[in-house]
Amino acid sequence: MCNWSAYWRMPSARQMEKLAREQRQDEPNSEPDGWWHSVLNDPRATGAPRLPIHQLRLNEIPRDVLRVECLRCTRIVEIQKADAVRLYGPHAIWKDVGRKLLDDGCKYRTGRHEEDGCWPDWRLESASIASELRILL
């Protein structure tokens, strides 16, 4: 007998070996490797890759209000999806529509044609649309 108060809680080394042997014997036969290989290679298991919002067409976006922000001047432009579809068509890509909406001009001018204008920021919009798509599915 041992003087420790919880000596009975831990099995002895022989008991642990016996439990391990019994557990190995009780394991059912696992499925053949070919079965798992066919399951993992099934094209239905991969699912369709999700596109970022700026690559979606207007008719594929589930939101009612579309919003784009300029990275430079933090100007935010919003448009109703119905208005965007009416003006640009249902198959217009949101990236192109957002750039046209921000084309009015940025208040920060550099003087270089390549750098002038607003720089659209799609990060916040794509994060919110991804959460909405997860909710819909």
N, C-alpha and C. Protein backbone atom coordinates (compact mmCIF):
# COMPACT_ATOMS: atom_id res chain seq x y z
N MET A 1 0.84 -1.17 0.00
CA MET A 1 0.00 0.00 0.00
C MET A 1 0.88 1.24 0.00
N CYS A 2 0.38 2.27 -0.60
CA CYS A 2 1.15 3.49 -0.76
C CYS A 2 0.57 4.57 0.14
N ASN A 3 1.40 5.53 0.55
CA ASN A 3 0.95 6.60 1.42
C ASN A 3 0.31 7.77 0.66
N TRP A 4 0.38 7.76 -0.65
CA TRP A 4 -0.20 8.88 -1.41
C TRP A 4 -1.71 8.79 -1.39
N SER A 5 -2.34 9.92 -1.36
CA SER A 5 -3.80 9.93 -1.22
C SER A 5 -4.52 9.45 -2.47
N ALA A 6 -3.95 9.63 -3.64
CA ALA A 6 -4.64 9.29 -4.87
C ALA A 6 -3.95 8.14 -5.60
N TYR A 7 -3.32 7.24 -4.88
CA TYR A 7 -2.58 6.16 -5.52
C TYR A 7 -3.52 5.25 -6.31
N TRP A 8 -4.75 5.11 -5.91
CA TRP A 8 -5.68 4.20 -6.56
C TRP A 8 -6.20 4.74 -7.90
N ARG A 9 -6.00 6.03 -8.17
CA ARG A 9 -6.52 6.62 -9.40
C ARG A 9 -5.69 6.23 -10.63
N MET A 10 -4.43 6.02 -10.49
CA MET A 10 -3.56 5.73 -11.62
C MET A 10 -3.31 4.23 -11.68
N PRO A 11 -3.60 3.59 -12.84
CA PRO A 11 -3.34 2.16 -12.93
C PRO A 11 -1.84 1.87 -12.96
N SER A 12 -1.50 0.68 -12.59
CA SER A 12 -0.09 0.29 -12.60
C SER A 12 0.37 0.11 -14.04
N ALA A 13 1.68 -0.07 -14.22
CA ALA A 13 2.23 -0.22 -15.56
C ALA A 13 1.67 -1.47 -16.24
N ARG A 14 1.54 -2.56 -15.49
CA ARG A 14 1.00 -3.79 -16.06
C ARG A 14 -0.47 -3.60 -16.49
N GLN A 15 -1.24 -2.90 -15.66
CA GLN A 15 -2.64 -2.64 -16.01
C GLN A 15 -2.74 -1.75 -17.27
N MET A 16 -1.85 -0.76 -17.39
CA MET A 16 -1.87 0.11 -18.57
C MET A 16 -1.55 -0.68 -19.83
N GLU A 17 -0.57 -1.60 -19.75
CA GLU A 17 -0.23 -2.42 -20.90
C GLU A 17 -1.40 -3.33 -21.29
N LYS A 18 -2.08 -3.87 -20.28
CA LYS A 18 -3.23 -4.73 -20.54
C LYS A 18 -4.36 -3.93 -21.21
N LEU A 19 -4.62 -2.72 -20.73
CA LEU A 19 -5.65 -1.87 -21.33
C LEU A 19 -5.31 -1.52 -22.78
N ALA A 20 -4.03 -1.25 -23.04
CA ALA A 20 -3.61 -0.91 -24.40
C ALA A 20 -3.79 -2.10 -25.33
N ARG A 21 -3.45 -3.32 -24.86
CA ARG A 21 -3.63 -4.52 -25.68
C ARG A 21 -5.11 -4.75 -25.99
N GLU A 22 -5.96 -4.58 -24.99
CA GLU A 22 -7.40 -4.79 -25.19
C GLU A 22 -7.97 -3.75 -26.17
N GLN A 23 -7.49 -2.54 -26.06
CA GLN A 23 -7.99 -1.49 -26.95
C GLN A 23 -7.60 -1.77 -28.40
N ARG A 24 -6.36 -2.25 -28.62
CA ARG A 24 -5.93 -2.58 -29.97
C ARG A 24 -6.74 -3.74 -30.55
N GLN A 25 -7.11 -4.70 -29.72
CA GLN A 25 -7.89 -5.84 -30.19
C GLN A 25 -9.33 -5.45 -30.52
N ASP A 26 -9.86 -4.46 -29.80
CA ASP A 26 -11.25 -4.06 -30.00
C ASP A 26 -11.46 -3.14 -31.20
N GLU A 27 -10.39 -2.64 -31.83
CA GLU A 27 -10.54 -1.73 -32.97
C GLU A 27 -11.18 -2.46 -34.14
N PRO A 28 -12.22 -1.85 -34.73
CA PRO A 28 -12.81 -2.48 -35.92
C PRO A 28 -11.89 -2.32 -37.12
N ASN A 29 -12.11 -3.15 -38.11
CA ASN A 29 -11.30 -3.04 -39.32
C ASN A 29 -11.60 -1.72 -40.00
N SER A 30 -10.57 -0.99 -40.32
CA SER A 30 -10.78 0.30 -40.98
C SER A 30 -11.09 0.07 -42.46
N GLU A 31 -11.69 1.10 -43.08
CA GLU A 31 -12.04 1.02 -44.49
C GLU A 31 -10.76 0.93 -45.33
N PRO A 32 -10.86 0.31 -46.48
CA PRO A 32 -9.66 0.22 -47.33
C PRO A 32 -9.24 1.60 -47.82
N ASP A 33 -7.96 1.73 -48.11
CA ASP A 33 -7.42 3.02 -48.55
C ASP A 33 -8.04 3.49 -49.85
N GLY A 34 -8.42 2.59 -50.70
CA GLY A 34 -9.04 2.97 -51.97
C GLY A 34 -10.36 3.70 -51.77
N TRP A 35 -11.11 3.31 -50.74
CA TRP A 35 -12.38 3.97 -50.47
C TRP A 35 -12.15 5.42 -50.08
N TRP A 36 -11.21 5.68 -49.16
CA TRP A 36 -10.91 7.06 -48.75
C TRP A 36 -10.36 7.86 -49.92
N HIS A 37 -9.56 7.22 -50.75
CA HIS A 37 -9.00 7.91 -51.91
C HIS A 37 -10.11 8.36 -52.86
N SER A 38 -11.08 7.50 -53.10
CA SER A 38 -12.18 7.87 -53.99
C SER A 38 -13.07 8.95 -53.37
N VAL A 39 -13.26 8.91 -52.07
CA VAL A 39 -14.07 9.94 -51.41
C VAL A 39 -13.39 11.30 -51.49
N LEU A 40 -12.10 11.35 -51.23
CA LEU A 40 -11.39 12.63 -51.24
C LEU A 40 -11.21 13.18 -52.65
N ASN A 41 -11.17 12.33 -53.66
CA ASN A 41 -11.01 12.80 -55.03
C ASN A 41 -12.34 13.09 -55.73
N ASP A 42 -13.44 12.90 -55.05
CA ASP A 42 -14.75 13.18 -55.63
C ASP A 42 -14.87 14.68 -55.88
N PRO A 43 -15.21 15.10 -57.10
CA PRO A 43 -15.29 16.54 -57.39
C PRO A 43 -16.38 17.25 -56.59
N ARG A 44 -17.39 16.52 -56.13
CA ARG A 44 -18.44 17.16 -55.34
C ARG A 44 -17.94 17.54 -53.95
N ALA A 45 -16.86 16.92 -53.48
CA ALA A 45 -16.35 17.21 -52.14
C ALA A 45 -15.62 18.54 -52.07
N THR A 46 -15.11 19.03 -53.18
CA THR A 46 -14.32 20.26 -53.14
C THR A 46 -15.19 21.49 -53.02
N GLY A 47 -16.35 21.51 -53.62
CA GLY A 47 -17.20 22.69 -53.59
C GLY A 47 -16.69 23.74 -54.55
N ALA A 48 -17.51 24.71 -54.81
CA ALA A 48 -17.12 25.78 -55.72
C ALA A 48 -16.31 26.83 -54.97
N PRO A 49 -15.21 27.28 -55.54
CA PRO A 49 -14.43 28.31 -54.85
C PRO A 49 -15.21 29.63 -54.83
N ARG A 50 -15.12 30.33 -53.73
CA ARG A 50 -15.81 31.60 -53.58
C ARG A 50 -14.95 32.71 -54.17
N LEU A 51 -15.58 33.56 -54.95
CA LEU A 51 -14.88 34.70 -55.54
C LEU A 51 -14.97 35.88 -54.60
N PRO A 52 -13.95 36.73 -54.58
CA PRO A 52 -14.06 37.98 -53.83
C PRO A 52 -15.15 38.84 -54.43
N ILE A 53 -15.72 39.73 -53.63
CA ILE A 53 -16.87 40.51 -54.09
C ILE A 53 -16.54 41.35 -55.31
N HIS A 54 -15.34 41.86 -55.42
CA HIS A 54 -15.05 42.73 -56.56
C HIS A 54 -14.97 41.96 -57.88
N GLN A 55 -14.96 40.63 -57.83
CA GLN A 55 -14.97 39.83 -59.05
C GLN A 55 -16.35 39.28 -59.38
N LEU A 56 -17.34 39.54 -58.53
CA LEU A 56 -18.69 39.05 -58.78
C LEU A 56 -19.45 39.97 -59.72
N ARG A 57 -20.39 39.40 -60.44
CA ARG A 57 -21.30 40.20 -61.26
C ARG A 57 -22.37 40.77 -60.34
N LEU A 58 -23.00 41.83 -60.80
CA LEU A 58 -24.00 42.50 -59.95
C LEU A 58 -25.16 41.58 -59.60
N ASN A 59 -25.55 40.70 -60.51
CA ASN A 59 -26.68 39.81 -60.21
C ASN A 59 -26.30 38.67 -59.27
N GLU A 60 -25.01 38.49 -58.97
CA GLU A 60 -24.56 37.44 -58.06
C GLU A 60 -24.38 37.93 -56.64
N ILE A 61 -24.45 39.22 -56.41
CA ILE A 61 -24.21 39.80 -55.09
C ILE A 61 -25.53 39.82 -54.33
N PRO A 62 -25.57 39.24 -53.11
CA PRO A 62 -26.84 39.16 -52.38
C PRO A 62 -27.19 40.40 -51.58
N ARG A 63 -26.42 41.46 -51.65
CA ARG A 63 -26.69 42.66 -50.86
C ARG A 63 -27.60 43.62 -51.62
N ASP A 64 -28.28 44.48 -50.86
CA ASP A 64 -29.13 45.51 -51.46
C ASP A 64 -28.37 46.80 -51.69
N VAL A 65 -27.41 47.08 -50.81
CA VAL A 65 -26.61 48.31 -50.92
C VAL A 65 -25.16 47.91 -51.17
N LEU A 66 -24.57 48.47 -52.20
CA LEU A 66 -23.17 48.20 -52.54
C LEU A 66 -22.34 49.40 -52.13
N ARG A 67 -21.19 49.14 -51.52
CA ARG A 67 -20.37 50.21 -50.97
C ARG A 67 -18.91 49.99 -51.36
N VAL A 68 -18.24 51.07 -51.74
CA VAL A 68 -16.81 51.01 -52.04
C VAL A 68 -16.16 52.23 -51.40
N GLU A 69 -14.95 52.05 -50.90
CA GLU A 69 -14.24 53.12 -50.20
C GLU A 69 -12.90 53.38 -50.88
N CYS A 70 -12.47 54.64 -50.87
CA CYS A 70 -11.17 55.01 -51.42
C CYS A 70 -10.12 54.83 -50.33
N LEU A 71 -9.01 54.21 -50.69
CA LEU A 71 -7.92 54.01 -49.72
C LEU A 71 -7.19 55.31 -49.41
N ARG A 72 -7.20 56.24 -50.34
CA ARG A 72 -6.42 57.47 -50.15
C ARG A 72 -7.21 58.53 -49.41
N CYS A 73 -8.42 58.82 -49.86
CA CYS A 73 -9.16 59.94 -49.26
C CYS A 73 -10.28 59.46 -48.35
N THR A 74 -10.44 58.17 -48.17
CA THR A 74 -11.47 57.54 -47.33
C THR A 74 -12.88 57.97 -47.71
N ARG A 75 -13.08 58.34 -48.96
CA ARG A 75 -14.42 58.67 -49.44
C ARG A 75 -15.17 57.37 -49.67
N ILE A 76 -16.41 57.32 -49.23
CA ILE A 76 -17.24 56.12 -49.37
C ILE A 76 -18.37 56.44 -50.33
N VAL A 77 -18.56 55.58 -51.32
CA VAL A 77 -19.64 55.73 -52.29
C VAL A 77 -20.56 54.53 -52.15
N GLU A 78 -21.85 54.79 -51.99
CA GLU A 78 -22.84 53.73 -51.89
C GLU A 78 -23.82 53.85 -53.05
N ILE A 79 -24.31 52.70 -53.48
CA ILE A 79 -25.33 52.68 -54.53
C ILE A 79 -26.24 51.49 -54.27
N GLN A 80 -27.51 51.68 -54.52
CA GLN A 80 -28.46 50.57 -54.40
C GLN A 80 -28.15 49.56 -55.51
N LYS A 81 -28.28 48.30 -55.19
CA LYS A 81 -28.00 47.27 -56.19
C LYS A 81 -28.94 47.41 -57.39
N ALA A 82 -30.20 47.74 -57.13
CA ALA A 82 -31.17 47.90 -58.23
C ALA A 82 -30.75 49.03 -59.16
N ASP A 83 -30.24 50.14 -58.58
CA ASP A 83 -29.79 51.26 -59.41
C ASP A 83 -28.56 50.87 -60.23
N ALA A 84 -27.64 50.14 -59.60
CA ALA A 84 -26.44 49.71 -60.31
C ALA A 84 -26.79 48.78 -61.47
N VAL A 85 -27.74 47.88 -61.24
CA VAL A 85 -28.17 46.97 -62.30
C VAL A 85 -28.83 47.75 -63.43
N ARG A 86 -29.64 48.75 -63.06
CA ARG A 86 -30.33 49.55 -64.08
C ARG A 86 -29.33 50.36 -64.90
N LEU A 87 -28.29 50.92 -64.24
CA LEU A 87 -27.33 51.77 -64.94
C LEU A 87 -26.28 50.99 -65.73
N TYR A 88 -25.79 49.90 -65.15
CA TYR A 88 -24.64 49.20 -65.75
C TYR A 88 -24.98 47.81 -66.29
N GLY A 89 -26.17 47.29 -65.98
CA GLY A 89 -26.56 45.96 -66.45
C GLY A 89 -26.29 44.89 -65.41
N PRO A 90 -27.04 43.78 -65.44
CA PRO A 90 -26.89 42.74 -64.42
C PRO A 90 -25.58 41.96 -64.53
N HIS A 91 -24.95 41.97 -65.70
CA HIS A 91 -23.73 41.20 -65.88
C HIS A 91 -22.46 42.03 -65.71
N ALA A 92 -22.62 43.28 -65.28
CA ALA A 92 -21.44 44.12 -65.03
C ALA A 92 -20.72 43.63 -63.79
N ILE A 93 -19.42 43.69 -63.81
CA ILE A 93 -18.61 43.25 -62.67
C ILE A 93 -18.50 44.40 -61.67
N TRP A 94 -18.67 44.09 -60.38
CA TRP A 94 -18.71 45.11 -59.34
C TRP A 94 -17.40 45.91 -59.29
N LYS A 95 -16.29 45.30 -59.62
CA LYS A 95 -15.01 46.02 -59.63
C LYS A 95 -15.06 47.18 -60.63
N ASP A 96 -15.57 46.93 -61.82
CA ASP A 96 -15.66 47.98 -62.83
C ASP A 96 -16.66 49.06 -62.44
N VAL A 97 -17.79 48.64 -61.87
CA VAL A 97 -18.80 49.61 -61.45
C VAL A 97 -18.26 50.47 -60.32
N GLY A 98 -17.58 49.86 -59.36
CA GLY A 98 -17.01 50.62 -58.24
C GLY A 98 -15.97 51.63 -58.70
N ARG A 99 -15.14 51.24 -59.66
CA ARG A 99 -14.15 52.18 -60.21
C ARG A 99 -14.83 53.35 -60.91
N LYS A 100 -15.90 53.08 -61.65
CA LYS A 100 -16.62 54.16 -62.33
C LYS A 100 -17.26 55.11 -61.32
N LEU A 101 -17.75 54.56 -60.22
CA LEU A 101 -18.36 55.41 -59.20
C LEU A 101 -17.32 56.30 -58.52
N LEU A 102 -16.10 55.80 -58.38
CA LEU A 102 -15.04 56.58 -57.73
C LEU A 102 -14.29 57.47 -58.72
N ASP A 103 -14.61 57.40 -60.00
CA ASP A 103 -13.88 58.15 -61.02
C ASP A 103 -14.08 59.66 -60.94
N ASP A 104 -15.01 60.13 -60.13
CA ASP A 104 -15.24 61.57 -60.04
C ASP A 104 -13.97 62.31 -59.63
N GLY A 105 -13.11 61.63 -58.94
CA GLY A 105 -11.84 62.24 -58.57
C GLY A 105 -11.58 62.14 -57.09
N CYS A 106 -10.33 62.03 -56.79
CA CYS A 106 -9.88 61.97 -55.42
C CYS A 106 -9.43 63.35 -55.00
N LYS A 107 -9.61 63.70 -53.76
CA LYS A 107 -9.20 65.04 -53.33
C LYS A 107 -7.68 65.13 -53.15
N TYR A 108 -7.00 64.00 -53.16
CA TYR A 108 -5.54 64.01 -53.08
C TYR A 108 -4.98 63.83 -54.48
N ARG A 109 -4.35 64.84 -55.01
CA ARG A 109 -3.79 64.83 -56.36
C ARG A 109 -2.27 64.78 -56.28
N THR A 110 -1.68 63.94 -57.13
CA THR A 110 -0.23 63.84 -57.16
C THR A 110 0.35 64.52 -58.39
N GLY A 111 -0.46 64.74 -59.40
CA GLY A 111 0.03 65.32 -60.64
C GLY A 111 0.41 64.29 -61.68
N ARG A 112 0.51 63.04 -61.27
CA ARG A 112 0.81 61.97 -62.22
C ARG A 112 -0.48 61.28 -62.62
N HIS A 113 -0.66 61.07 -63.90
CA HIS A 113 -1.89 60.47 -64.42
C HIS A 113 -2.13 59.07 -63.84
N GLU A 114 -1.05 58.30 -63.68
CA GLU A 114 -1.19 56.93 -63.21
C GLU A 114 -1.65 56.87 -61.76
N GLU A 115 -1.26 57.85 -60.96
CA GLU A 115 -1.55 57.80 -59.54
C GLU A 115 -2.78 58.60 -59.14
N ASP A 116 -3.25 59.50 -60.01
CA ASP A 116 -4.40 60.31 -59.65
C ASP A 116 -5.67 59.47 -59.64
N GLY A 117 -6.61 59.90 -58.86
CA GLY A 117 -7.88 59.19 -58.75
C GLY A 117 -7.92 58.35 -57.49
N CYS A 118 -9.09 57.86 -57.21
CA CYS A 118 -9.29 57.06 -56.00
C CYS A 118 -8.78 55.63 -56.21
N TRP A 119 -8.35 55.05 -55.11
CA TRP A 119 -7.93 53.66 -55.11
C TRP A 119 -9.00 52.87 -54.36
N PRO A 120 -9.77 52.03 -55.02
CA PRO A 120 -10.85 51.32 -54.34
C PRO A 120 -10.33 50.33 -53.32
N ASP A 121 -11.03 50.24 -52.21
CA ASP A 121 -10.71 49.29 -51.15
C ASP A 121 -11.85 48.28 -51.07
N TRP A 122 -11.56 47.04 -51.38
CA TRP A 122 -12.59 46.00 -51.41
C TRP A 122 -12.54 45.11 -50.17
N ARG A 123 -11.59 45.32 -49.28
CA ARG A 123 -11.39 44.38 -48.17
C ARG A 123 -12.59 44.31 -47.24
N LEU A 124 -13.11 45.43 -46.78
CA LEU A 124 -14.23 45.41 -45.85
C LEU A 124 -15.46 44.82 -46.50
N GLU A 125 -15.68 45.17 -47.74
CA GLU A 125 -16.86 44.69 -48.46
C GLU A 125 -16.78 43.19 -48.67
N SER A 126 -15.60 42.68 -49.02
CA SER A 126 -15.49 41.24 -49.29
C SER A 126 -15.62 40.44 -48.00
N ALA A 127 -15.17 40.98 -46.87
CA ALA A 127 -15.33 40.26 -45.61
C ALA A 127 -16.80 40.17 -45.22
N SER A 128 -17.54 41.24 -45.42
CA SER A 128 -18.96 41.21 -45.05
C SER A 128 -19.76 40.33 -46.01
N ILE A 129 -19.42 40.32 -47.27
CA ILE A 129 -20.15 39.49 -48.23
C ILE A 129 -19.84 38.02 -48.00
N ALA A 130 -18.61 37.70 -47.59
CA ALA A 130 -18.27 36.31 -47.31
C ALA A 130 -19.08 35.79 -46.13
N SER A 131 -19.26 36.62 -45.11
CA SER A 131 -20.06 36.18 -43.97
C SER A 131 -21.52 36.01 -44.38
N GLU A 132 -22.02 36.87 -45.26
CA GLU A 132 -23.40 36.73 -45.73
C GLU A 132 -23.57 35.47 -46.56
N LEU A 133 -22.60 35.14 -47.38
CA LEU A 133 -22.70 33.93 -48.20
C LEU A 133 -22.67 32.69 -47.32
N ARG A 134 -21.87 32.71 -46.23
CA ARG A 134 -21.86 31.58 -45.32
C ARG A 134 -23.21 31.41 -44.64
N ILE A 135 -23.86 32.52 -44.32
CA ILE A 135 -25.17 32.46 -43.68
C ILE A 135 -26.20 31.89 -44.65
N LEU A 136 -26.12 32.29 -45.91
CA LEU A 136 -27.08 31.81 -46.90
C LEU A 136 -26.94 30.32 -47.16
N LEU A 137 -25.71 29.80 -47.09
CA LEU A 137 -25.49 28.38 -47.35
C LEU A 137 -25.72 27.63 -46.08
